């Protein structure tokens, strides 16, 4: 139900699309933004594989309800290839 929860990506594709946008803080938005960039490449989407989620401590802003919605809207308004170029250059502005 949430396509951002589990993604398996080849290392070269991960680098090609700029990896994760580390300007997201706390919990929420980062997976959906990453998936949006990933969808600009050829991919096989499906729910037939078992899900794997690595344990991690709760994000500091999760309890406050902060979900990065403003940053997510801002990022998704930017063209995918522009975001990829910015992330590959190592900038988050």
PDB file of N, CA and C in Angstrom:
ATOM      1  N   UNK A   1       0.797  -1.203   0.000  1.00  0.00           N
ATOM      2  CA  UNK A   1       0.000   0.000   0.000  1.00  0.00           C
ATOM      3  C   UNK A   1       0.842   1.271   0.000  1.00  0.00           C
ATOM      4  N   UNK A   2       2.067   1.169   0.459  1.00  0.00           N
ATOM      5  CA  UNK A   2       2.955   2.319   0.450  1.00  0.00           C
ATOM      6  C   UNK A   2       4.190   1.951  -0.354  1.00  0.00           C
ATOM      7  N   UNK A   3       4.252   2.360  -1.618  1.00  0.00           N
ATOM      8  CA  UNK A   3       5.362   1.942  -2.472  1.00  0.00           C
ATOM      9  C   UNK A   3       6.710   2.499  -2.046  1.00  0.00           C
ATOM     10  N   UNK A   4       6.731   3.392  -1.105  1.00  0.00           N
ATOM     11  CA  UNK A   4       7.994   3.951  -0.663  1.00  0.00           C
ATOM     12  C   UNK A   4       8.662   3.159   0.443  1.00  0.00           C
ATOM     13  N   UNK A   5       8.007   2.142   0.964  1.00  0.00           N
ATOM     14  CA  UNK A   5       8.558   1.434   2.112  1.00  0.00           C
ATOM     15  C   UNK A   5       9.750   0.559   1.786  1.00  0.00           C
ATOM     16  N   UNK A   6       9.738  -0.127   0.677  1.00  0.00           N
ATOM     17  CA  UNK A   6      10.800  -1.076   0.395  1.00  0.00           C
ATOM     18  C   UNK A   6      11.192  -0.972  -1.071  1.00  0.00           C
ATOM     19  N   UNK A   7      12.446  -0.668  -1.295  1.00  0.00           N
ATOM     20  CA  UNK A   7      12.936  -0.554  -2.660  1.00  0.00           C
ATOM     21  C   UNK A   7      14.255  -1.294  -2.774  1.00  0.00           C
ATOM     22  N   UNK A   8      14.397  -2.034  -3.835  1.00  0.00           N
ATOM     23  CA  UNK A   8      15.660  -2.698  -4.127  1.00  0.00           C
ATOM     24  C   UNK A   8      16.167  -2.077  -5.421  1.00  0.00           C
ATOM     25  N   UNK A   9      17.344  -1.492  -5.350  1.00  0.00           N
ATOM     26  CA  UNK A   9      17.878  -0.728  -6.471  1.00  0.00           C
ATOM     27  C   UNK A   9      19.335  -1.135  -6.677  1.00  0.00           C
ATOM     28  N   UNK A  10      19.705  -1.329  -7.939  1.00  0.00           N
ATOM     29  CA  UNK A  10      21.111  -1.602  -8.231  1.00  0.00           C
ATOM     30  C   UNK A  10      21.947  -0.384  -7.859  1.00  0.00           C
ATOM     31  N   UNK A  11      23.162  -0.619  -7.435  1.00  0.00           N
ATOM     32  CA  UNK A  11      24.058   0.444  -6.995  1.00  0.00           C
ATOM     33  C   UNK A  11      24.264   1.508  -8.071  1.00  0.00           C
ATOM     34  N   UNK A  12      24.426   1.086  -9.330  1.00  0.00           N
ATOM     35  CA  UNK A  12      24.666   2.056 -10.392  1.00  0.00           C
ATOM     36  C   UNK A  12      23.450   2.942 -10.634  1.00  0.00           C
ATOM     37  N   UNK A  13      22.250   2.387 -10.507  1.00  0.00           N
ATOM     38  CA  UNK A  13      21.028   3.179 -10.676  1.00  0.00           C
ATOM     39  C   UNK A  13      20.857   4.136  -9.496  1.00  0.00           C
ATOM     40  N   UNK A  14      21.158   3.659  -8.283  1.00  0.00           N
ATOM     41  CA  UNK A  14      21.087   4.500  -7.087  1.00  0.00           C
ATOM     42  C   UNK A  14      21.968   5.740  -7.277  1.00  0.00           C
ATOM     43  N   UNK A  15      23.206   5.537  -7.753  1.00  0.00           N
ATOM     44  CA  UNK A  15      24.119   6.654  -7.996  1.00  0.00           C
ATOM     45  C   UNK A  15      23.627   7.522  -9.156  1.00  0.00           C
ATOM     46  N   UNK A  16      23.084   6.882 -10.186  1.00  0.00           N
ATOM     47  CA  UNK A  16      22.612   7.599 -11.369  1.00  0.00           C
ATOM     48  C   UNK A  16      21.500   8.590 -11.044  1.00  0.00           C
ATOM     49  N   UNK A  17      20.616   8.233 -10.091  1.00  0.00           N
ATOM     50  CA  UNK A  17      19.499   9.129  -9.752  1.00  0.00           C
ATOM     51  C   UNK A  17      19.821  10.032  -8.557  1.00  0.00           C
ATOM     52  N   UNK A  18      21.056   9.976  -8.061  1.00  0.00           N
ATOM     53  CA  UNK A  18      21.474  10.900  -7.009  1.00  0.00           C
ATOM     54  C   UNK A  18      21.349  10.394  -5.592  1.00  0.00           C
ATOM     55  N   UNK A  19      21.011   9.115  -5.405  1.00  0.00           N
ATOM     56  CA  UNK A  19      20.884   8.587  -4.047  1.00  0.00           C
ATOM     57  C   UNK A  19      19.728   9.214  -3.297  1.00  0.00           C
ATOM     58  N   UNK A  20      19.823   9.207  -1.973  1.00  0.00           N
ATOM     59  CA  UNK A  20      18.774   9.820  -1.160  1.00  0.00           C
ATOM     60  C   UNK A  20      19.020  11.311  -0.998  1.00  0.00           C
ATOM     61  N   UNK A  21      17.965  12.078  -0.955  1.00  0.00           N
ATOM     62  CA  UNK A  21      18.039  13.506  -0.694  1.00  0.00           C
ATOM     63  C   UNK A  21      18.139  13.671   0.817  1.00  0.00           C
ATOM     64  N   UNK A  22      19.325  13.985   1.298  1.00  0.00           N
ATOM     65  CA  UNK A  22      19.558  14.036   2.740  1.00  0.00           C
ATOM     66  C   UNK A  22      19.085  15.327   3.389  1.00  0.00           C
ATOM     67  N   UNK A  23      18.402  16.183   2.637  1.00  0.00           N
ATOM     68  CA  UNK A  23      17.864  17.399   3.260  1.00  0.00           C
ATOM     69  C   UNK A  23      16.587  17.099   4.038  1.00  0.00           C
ATOM     70  N   UNK A  24      16.004  15.907   3.840  1.00  0.00           N
ATOM     71  CA  UNK A  24      14.850  15.507   4.642  1.00  0.00           C
ATOM     72  C   UNK A  24      15.341  15.171   6.040  1.00  0.00           C
ATOM     73  N   UNK A  25      14.656  15.702   7.055  1.00  0.00           N
ATOM     74  CA  UNK A  25      14.993  15.408   8.448  1.00  0.00           C
ATOM     75  C   UNK A  25      13.796  14.738   9.087  1.00  0.00           C
ATOM     76  N   UNK A  26      14.067  13.844  10.012  1.00  0.00           N
ATOM     77  CA  UNK A  26      12.958  13.179  10.684  1.00  0.00           C
ATOM     78  C   UNK A  26      12.358  12.083   9.828  1.00  0.00           C
ATOM     79  N   UNK A  27      11.053  12.008   9.828  1.00  0.00           N
ATOM     80  CA  UNK A  27      10.363  10.886   9.225  1.00  0.00           C
ATOM     81  C   UNK A  27       9.349  11.380   8.216  1.00  0.00           C
ATOM     82  N   UNK A  28       9.377  10.807   7.058  1.00  0.00           N
ATOM     83  CA  UNK A  28       8.350  11.088   6.066  1.00  0.00           C
ATOM     84  C   UNK A  28       8.852  11.887   4.880  1.00  0.00           C
ATOM     85  N   UNK A  29       8.375  11.491   3.701  1.00  0.00           N
ATOM     86  CA  UNK A  29       8.657  12.221   2.484  1.00  0.00           C
ATOM     87  C   UNK A  29       9.855  11.727   1.709  1.00  0.00           C
ATOM     88  N   UNK A  30      10.906  11.310   2.405  1.00  0.00           N
ATOM     89  CA  UNK A  30      12.145  10.947   1.717  1.00  0.00           C
ATOM     90  C   UNK A  30      11.975   9.744   0.787  1.00  0.00           C
ATOM     91  N   UNK A  31      11.207   8.753   1.198  1.00  0.00           N
ATOM     92  CA  UNK A  31      10.998   7.569   0.356  1.00  0.00           C
ATOM     93  C   UNK A  31      10.152   7.907  -0.871  1.00  0.00           C
ATOM     94  N   UNK A  32       9.131   8.728  -0.685  1.00  0.00           N
ATOM     95  CA  UNK A  32       8.278   9.089  -1.821  1.00  0.00           C
ATOM     96  C   UNK A  32       9.039   9.929  -2.838  1.00  0.00           C
ATOM     97  N   UNK A  33       9.901  10.829  -2.363  1.00  0.00           N
ATOM     98  CA  UNK A  33      10.706  11.640  -3.273  1.00  0.00           C
ATOM     99  C   UNK A  33      11.695  10.757  -4.027  1.00  0.00           C
ATOM    100  N   UNK A  34      12.325   9.815  -3.327  1.00  0.00           N
ATOM    101  CA  UNK A  34      13.265   8.891  -3.953  1.00  0.00           C
ATOM    102  C   UNK A  34      12.551   8.038  -4.997  1.00  0.00           C
ATOM    103  N   UNK A  35      11.384   7.517  -4.654  1.00  0.00           N
ATOM    104  CA  UNK A  35      10.613   6.698  -5.588  1.00  0.00           C
ATOM    105  C   UNK A  35      10.222   7.497  -6.824  1.00  0.00           C
ATOM    106  N   UNK A  36       9.894   8.763  -6.644  1.00  0.00           N
ATOM    107  CA  UNK A  36       9.543   9.615  -7.778  1.00  0.00           C
ATOM    108  C   UNK A  36      10.710   9.724  -8.753  1.00  0.00           C
ATOM    109  N   UNK A  37      11.927   9.894  -8.240  1.00  0.00           N
ATOM    110  CA  UNK A  37      13.100   9.938  -9.115  1.00  0.00           C
ATOM    111  C   UNK A  37      13.380   8.572  -9.718  1.00  0.00           C
ATOM    112  N   UNK A  38      13.207   7.519  -8.933  1.00  0.00           N
ATOM    113  CA  UNK A  38      13.443   6.161  -9.423  1.00  0.00           C
ATOM    114  C   UNK A  38      12.499   5.810 -10.577  1.00  0.00           C
ATOM    115  N   UNK A  39      11.281   6.324 -10.534  1.00  0.00           N
ATOM    116  CA  UNK A  39      10.317   6.046 -11.592  1.00  0.00           C
ATOM    117  C   UNK A  39      10.693   6.689 -12.919  1.00  0.00           C
ATOM    118  N   UNK A  40      11.697   7.556 -12.912  1.00  0.00           N
ATOM    119  CA  UNK A  40      12.171   8.128 -14.168  1.00  0.00           C
ATOM    120  C   UNK A  40      13.063   7.137 -14.915  1.00  0.00           C
ATOM    121  N   UNK A  41      13.352   6.012 -14.299  1.00  0.00           N
ATOM    122  CA  UNK A  41      14.163   4.959 -14.901  1.00  0.00           C
ATOM    123  C   UNK A  41      13.304   3.715 -15.115  1.00  0.00           C
ATOM    124  N   UNK A  42      13.793   2.820 -15.914  1.00  0.00           N
ATOM    125  CA  UNK A  42      13.070   1.568 -16.153  1.00  0.00           C
ATOM    126  C   UNK A  42      13.075   0.752 -14.860  1.00  0.00           C
ATOM    127  N   UNK A  43      11.914   0.301 -14.463  1.00  0.00           N
ATOM    128  CA  UNK A  43      11.832  -0.451 -13.206  1.00  0.00           C
ATOM    129  C   UNK A  43      10.717  -1.470 -13.255  1.00  0.00           C
ATOM    130  N   UNK A  44      10.807  -2.443 -12.389  1.00  0.00           N
ATOM    131  CA  UNK A  44       9.788  -3.464 -12.239  1.00  0.00           C
ATOM    132  C   UNK A  44       9.114  -3.229 -10.896  1.00  0.00           C
ATOM    133  N   UNK A  45       7.878  -2.826 -10.941  1.00  0.00           N
ATOM    134  CA  UNK A  45       7.138  -2.570  -9.697  1.00  0.00           C
ATOM    135  C   UNK A  45       6.238  -3.768  -9.420  1.00  0.00           C
ATOM    136  N   UNK A  46       6.164  -4.155  -8.203  1.00  0.00           N
ATOM    137  CA  UNK A  46       5.294  -5.273  -7.867  1.00  0.00           C
ATOM    138  C   UNK A  46       5.342  -5.588  -6.393  1.00  0.00           C
ATOM    139  N   UNK A  47       4.360  -6.310  -5.942  1.00  0.00           N
ATOM    140  CA  UNK A  47       4.276  -6.681  -4.532  1.00  0.00           C
ATOM    141  C   UNK A  47       4.490  -8.168  -4.345  1.00  0.00           C
ATOM    142  N   UNK A  48       5.166  -8.776  -5.288  1.00  0.00           N
ATOM    143  CA  UNK A  48       5.335 -10.218  -5.206  1.00  0.00           C
ATOM    144  C   UNK A  48       6.586 -10.621  -4.443  1.00  0.00           C
ATOM    145  N   UNK A  49       7.456  -9.693  -4.131  1.00  0.00           N
ATOM    146  CA  UNK A  49       8.658 -10.011  -3.364  1.00  0.00           C
ATOM    147  C   UNK A  49       8.394  -9.793  -1.876  1.00  0.00           C
ATOM    148  N   UNK A  50       9.049 -10.561  -1.024  1.00  0.00           N
ATOM    149  CA  UNK A  50       8.874 -10.308   0.419  1.00  0.00           C
ATOM    150  C   UNK A  50       9.479  -8.961   0.785  1.00  0.00           C
ATOM    151  N   UNK A  51       8.884  -8.317   1.763  1.00  0.00           N
ATOM    152  CA  UNK A  51       9.361  -7.009   2.193  1.00  0.00           C
ATOM    153  C   UNK A  51      10.447  -7.171   3.237  1.00  0.00           C
ATOM    154  N   UNK A  52      11.432  -6.320   3.179  1.00  0.00           N
ATOM    155  CA  UNK A  52      12.506  -6.286   4.161  1.00  0.00           C
ATOM    156  C   UNK A  52      12.623  -4.860   4.652  1.00  0.00           C
ATOM    157  N   UNK A  53      12.555  -4.665   5.942  1.00  0.00           N
ATOM    158  CA  UNK A  53      12.738  -3.323   6.497  1.00  0.00           C
ATOM    159  C   UNK A  53      13.771  -3.430   7.595  1.00  0.00           C
ATOM    160  N   UNK A  54      14.868  -2.698   7.443  1.00  0.00           N
ATOM    161  CA  UNK A  54      15.919  -2.721   8.444  1.00  0.00           C
ATOM    162  C   UNK A  54      15.502  -1.901   9.654  1.00  0.00           C
ATOM    163  N   UNK A  55      15.741  -2.449  10.836  1.00  0.00           N
ATOM    164  CA  UNK A  55      15.392  -1.737  12.051  1.00  0.00           C
ATOM    165  C   UNK A  55      16.256  -0.491  12.166  1.00  0.00           C
ATOM    166  N   UNK A  56      15.659   0.576  12.657  1.00  0.00           N
ATOM    167  CA  UNK A  56      16.382   1.797  12.982  1.00  0.00           C
ATOM    168  C   UNK A  56      15.625   2.483  14.101  1.00  0.00           C
ATOM    169  N   UNK A  57      16.313   3.295  14.902  1.00  0.00           N
ATOM    170  CA  UNK A  57      15.606   3.988  15.982  1.00  0.00           C
ATOM    171  C   UNK A  57      14.603   4.972  15.397  1.00  0.00           C
ATOM    172  N   UNK A  58      13.560   5.296  16.153  1.00  0.00           N
ATOM    173  CA  UNK A  58      12.577   6.266  15.656  1.00  0.00           C
ATOM    174  C   UNK A  58      13.241   7.595  15.319  1.00  0.00           C
ATOM    175  N   UNK A  59      12.762   8.231  14.280  1.00  0.00           N
ATOM    176  CA  UNK A  59      13.282   9.541  13.894  1.00  0.00           C
ATOM    177  C   UNK A  59      12.870  10.583  14.926  1.00  0.00           C
ATOM    178  N   UNK A  60      13.745  11.535  15.224  1.00  0.00           N
ATOM    179  CA  UNK A  60      13.451  12.525  16.267  1.00  0.00           C
ATOM    180  C   UNK A  60      12.141  13.289  16.067  1.00  0.00           C
ATOM    181  N   UNK A  61      11.773  13.599  14.845  1.00  0.00           N
ATOM    182  CA  UNK A  61      10.579  14.413  14.621  1.00  0.00           C
ATOM    183  C   UNK A  61       9.312  13.577  14.438  1.00  0.00           C
ATOM    184  N   UNK A  62       9.404  12.259  14.498  1.00  0.00           N
ATOM    185  CA  UNK A  62       8.235  11.416  14.255  1.00  0.00           C
ATOM    186  C   UNK A  62       7.142  11.659  15.304  1.00  0.00           C
ATOM    187  N   UNK A  63       7.536  11.743  16.559  1.00  0.00           N
ATOM    188  CA  UNK A  63       6.539  11.914  17.625  1.00  0.00           C
ATOM    189  C   UNK A  63       5.810  13.246  17.528  1.00  0.00           C
ATOM    190  N   UNK A  64       6.460  14.260  16.960  1.00  0.00           N
ATOM    191  CA  UNK A  64       5.833  15.579  16.861  1.00  0.00           C
ATOM    192  C   UNK A  64       4.839  15.647  15.707  1.00  0.00           C
ATOM    193  N   UNK A  65       4.828  14.617  14.859  1.00  0.00           N
ATOM    194  CA  UNK A  65       3.935  14.623  13.711  1.00  0.00           C
ATOM    195  C   UNK A  65       4.540  15.297  12.492  1.00  0.00           C
ATOM    196  N   UNK A  66       5.792  15.732  12.602  1.00  0.00           N
ATOM    197  CA  UNK A  66       6.465  16.379  11.478  1.00  0.00           C
ATOM    198  C   UNK A  66       6.699  15.332  10.389  1.00  0.00           C
ATOM    199  N   UNK A  67       6.202  15.578   9.195  1.00  0.00           N
ATOM    200  CA  UNK A  67       6.302  14.591   8.131  1.00  0.00           C
ATOM    201  C   UNK A  67       6.944  15.148   6.856  1.00  0.00           C
ATOM    202  N   UNK A  68       7.631  16.279   6.951  1.00  0.00           N
ATOM    203  CA  UNK A  68       8.333  16.854   5.801  1.00  0.00           C
ATOM    204  C   UNK A  68       7.425  17.160   4.618  1.00  0.00           C
ATOM    205  N   UNK A  69       6.161  17.416   4.840  1.00  0.00           N
ATOM    206  CA  UNK A  69       5.233  17.627   3.735  1.00  0.00           C
ATOM    207  C   UNK A  69       5.586  18.849   2.892  1.00  0.00           C
ATOM    208  N   UNK A  70       6.019  19.930   3.538  1.00  0.00           N
ATOM    209  CA  UNK A  70       6.381  21.131   2.772  1.00  0.00           C
ATOM    210  C   UNK A  70       7.590  20.861   1.881  1.00  0.00           C
ATOM    211  N   UNK A  71       8.608  20.196   2.436  1.00  0.00           N
ATOM    212  CA  UNK A  71       9.795  19.879   1.649  1.00  0.00           C
ATOM    213  C   UNK A  71       9.458  18.905   0.524  1.00  0.00           C
ATOM    214  N   UNK A  72       8.620  17.911   0.793  1.00  0.00           N
ATOM    215  CA  UNK A  72       8.218  16.962  -0.238  1.00  0.00           C
ATOM    216  C   UNK A  72       7.507  17.673  -1.382  1.00  0.00           C
ATOM    217  N   UNK A  73       6.562  18.560  -1.077  1.00  0.00           N
ATOM    218  CA  UNK A  73       5.861  19.319  -2.125  1.00  0.00           C
ATOM    219  C   UNK A  73       6.839  20.163  -2.935  1.00  0.00           C
ATOM    220  N   UNK A  74       7.788  20.786  -2.245  1.00  0.00           N
ATOM    221  CA  UNK A  74       8.796  21.609  -2.913  1.00  0.00           C
ATOM    222  C   UNK A  74       9.645  20.751  -3.848  1.00  0.00           C
ATOM    223  N   UNK A  75      10.086  19.606  -3.384  1.00  0.00           N
ATOM    224  CA  UNK A  75      10.928  18.734  -4.209  1.00  0.00           C
ATOM    225  C   UNK A  75      10.147  18.188  -5.408  1.00  0.00           C
ATOM    226  N   UNK A  76       8.913  17.751  -5.205  1.00  0.00           N
ATOM    227  CA  UNK A  76       8.138  17.161  -6.298  1.00  0.00           C
ATOM    228  C   UNK A  76       7.725  18.207  -7.337  1.00  0.00           C
ATOM    229  N   UNK A  77       7.755  19.487  -6.979  1.00  0.00           N
ATOM    230  CA  UNK A  77       7.450  20.549  -7.938  1.00  0.00           C
ATOM    231  C   UNK A  77       8.636  20.797  -8.880  1.00  0.00           C
ATOM    232  N   UNK A  78       9.807  20.339  -8.479  1.00  0.00           N
ATOM    233  CA  UNK A  78      11.016  20.490  -9.282  1.00  0.00           C
ATOM    234  C   UNK A  78      11.104  19.319 -10.269  1.00  0.00           C
ATOM    235  N   UNK A  79      11.434  19.552 -11.541  1.00  0.00           N
ATOM    236  CA  UNK A  79      11.536  18.452 -12.502  1.00  0.00           C
ATOM    237  C   UNK A  79      12.512  17.366 -12.028  1.00  0.00           C
ATOM    238  N   UNK A  80      12.170  16.117 -12.285  1.00  0.00           N
ATOM    239  CA  UNK A  80      12.959  14.971 -11.821  1.00  0.00           C
ATOM    240  C   UNK A  80      14.424  15.084 -12.244  1.00  0.00           C
ATOM    241  N   UNK A  81      14.669  15.324 -13.516  1.00  0.00           N
ATOM    242  CA  UNK A  81      16.052  15.354 -13.995  1.00  0.00           C
ATOM    243  C   UNK A  81      16.844  16.498 -13.351  1.00  0.00           C
ATOM    244  N   UNK A  82      16.177  17.585 -13.006  1.00  0.00           N
ATOM    245  CA  UNK A  82      16.841  18.699 -12.319  1.00  0.00           C
ATOM    246  C   UNK A  82      17.230  18.275 -10.901  1.00  0.00           C
ATOM    247  N   UNK A  83      16.329  17.556 -10.207  1.00  0.00           N
ATOM    248  CA  UNK A  83      16.647  17.060  -8.860  1.00  0.00           C
ATOM    249  C   UNK A  83      17.814  16.081  -8.909  1.00  0.00           C
ATOM    250  N   UNK A  84      17.793  15.197  -9.914  1.00  0.00           N
ATOM    251  CA  UNK A  84      18.868  14.207 -10.042  1.00  0.00           C
ATOM    252  C   UNK A  84      20.198  14.927 -10.257  1.00  0.00           C
ATOM    253  N   UNK A  85      20.228  15.901 -11.143  1.00  0.00           N
ATOM    254  CA  UNK A  85      21.477  16.638 -11.410  1.00  0.00           C
ATOM    255  C   UNK A  85      21.969  17.345 -10.156  1.00  0.00           C
ATOM    256  N   UNK A  86      21.056  17.950  -9.391  1.00  0.00           N
ATOM    257  CA  UNK A  86      21.434  18.650  -8.169  1.00  0.00           C
ATOM    258  C   UNK A  86      22.017  17.688  -7.141  1.00  0.00           C
ATOM    259  N   UNK A  87      21.370  16.532  -6.969  1.00  0.00           N
ATOM    260  CA  UNK A  87      21.841  15.561  -5.988  1.00  0.00           C
ATOM    261  C   UNK A  87      23.167  14.929  -6.414  1.00  0.00           C
ATOM    262  N   UNK A  88      23.315  14.675  -7.692  1.00  0.00           N
ATOM    263  CA  UNK A  88      24.580  14.107  -8.174  1.00  0.00           C
ATOM    264  C   UNK A  88      25.721  15.100  -7.995  1.00  0.00           C
ATOM    265  N   UNK A  89      25.407  16.388  -8.028  1.00  0.00           N
ATOM    266  CA  UNK A  89      26.423  17.420  -7.820  1.00  0.00           C
ATOM    267  C   UNK A  89      26.730  17.610  -6.340  1.00  0.00           C
ATOM    268  N   UNK A  90      25.912  16.977  -5.486  1.00  0.00           N
ATOM    269  CA  UNK A  90      26.153  17.056  -4.049  1.00  0.00           C
ATOM    270  C   UNK A  90      25.556  18.262  -3.370  1.00  0.00           C
ATOM    271  N   UNK A  91      24.570  18.882  -4.009  1.00  0.00           N
ATOM    272  CA  UNK A  91      23.927  20.041  -3.383  1.00  0.00           C
ATOM    273  C   UNK A  91      22.506  19.687  -3.001  1.00  0.00           C
ATOM    274  N   UNK A  92      22.003  20.315  -1.939  1.00  0.00           N
ATOM    275  CA  UNK A  92      20.644  20.029  -1.474  1.00  0.00           C
ATOM    276  C   UNK A  92      19.757  21.252  -1.507  1.00  0.00           C
ATOM    277  N   UNK A  93      20.272  22.378  -1.934  1.00  0.00           N
ATOM    278  CA  UNK A  93      19.510  23.639  -1.924  1.00  0.00           C
ATOM    279  C   UNK A  93      18.289  23.560  -2.798  1.00  0.00           C
TER     280      UNK A  93
END
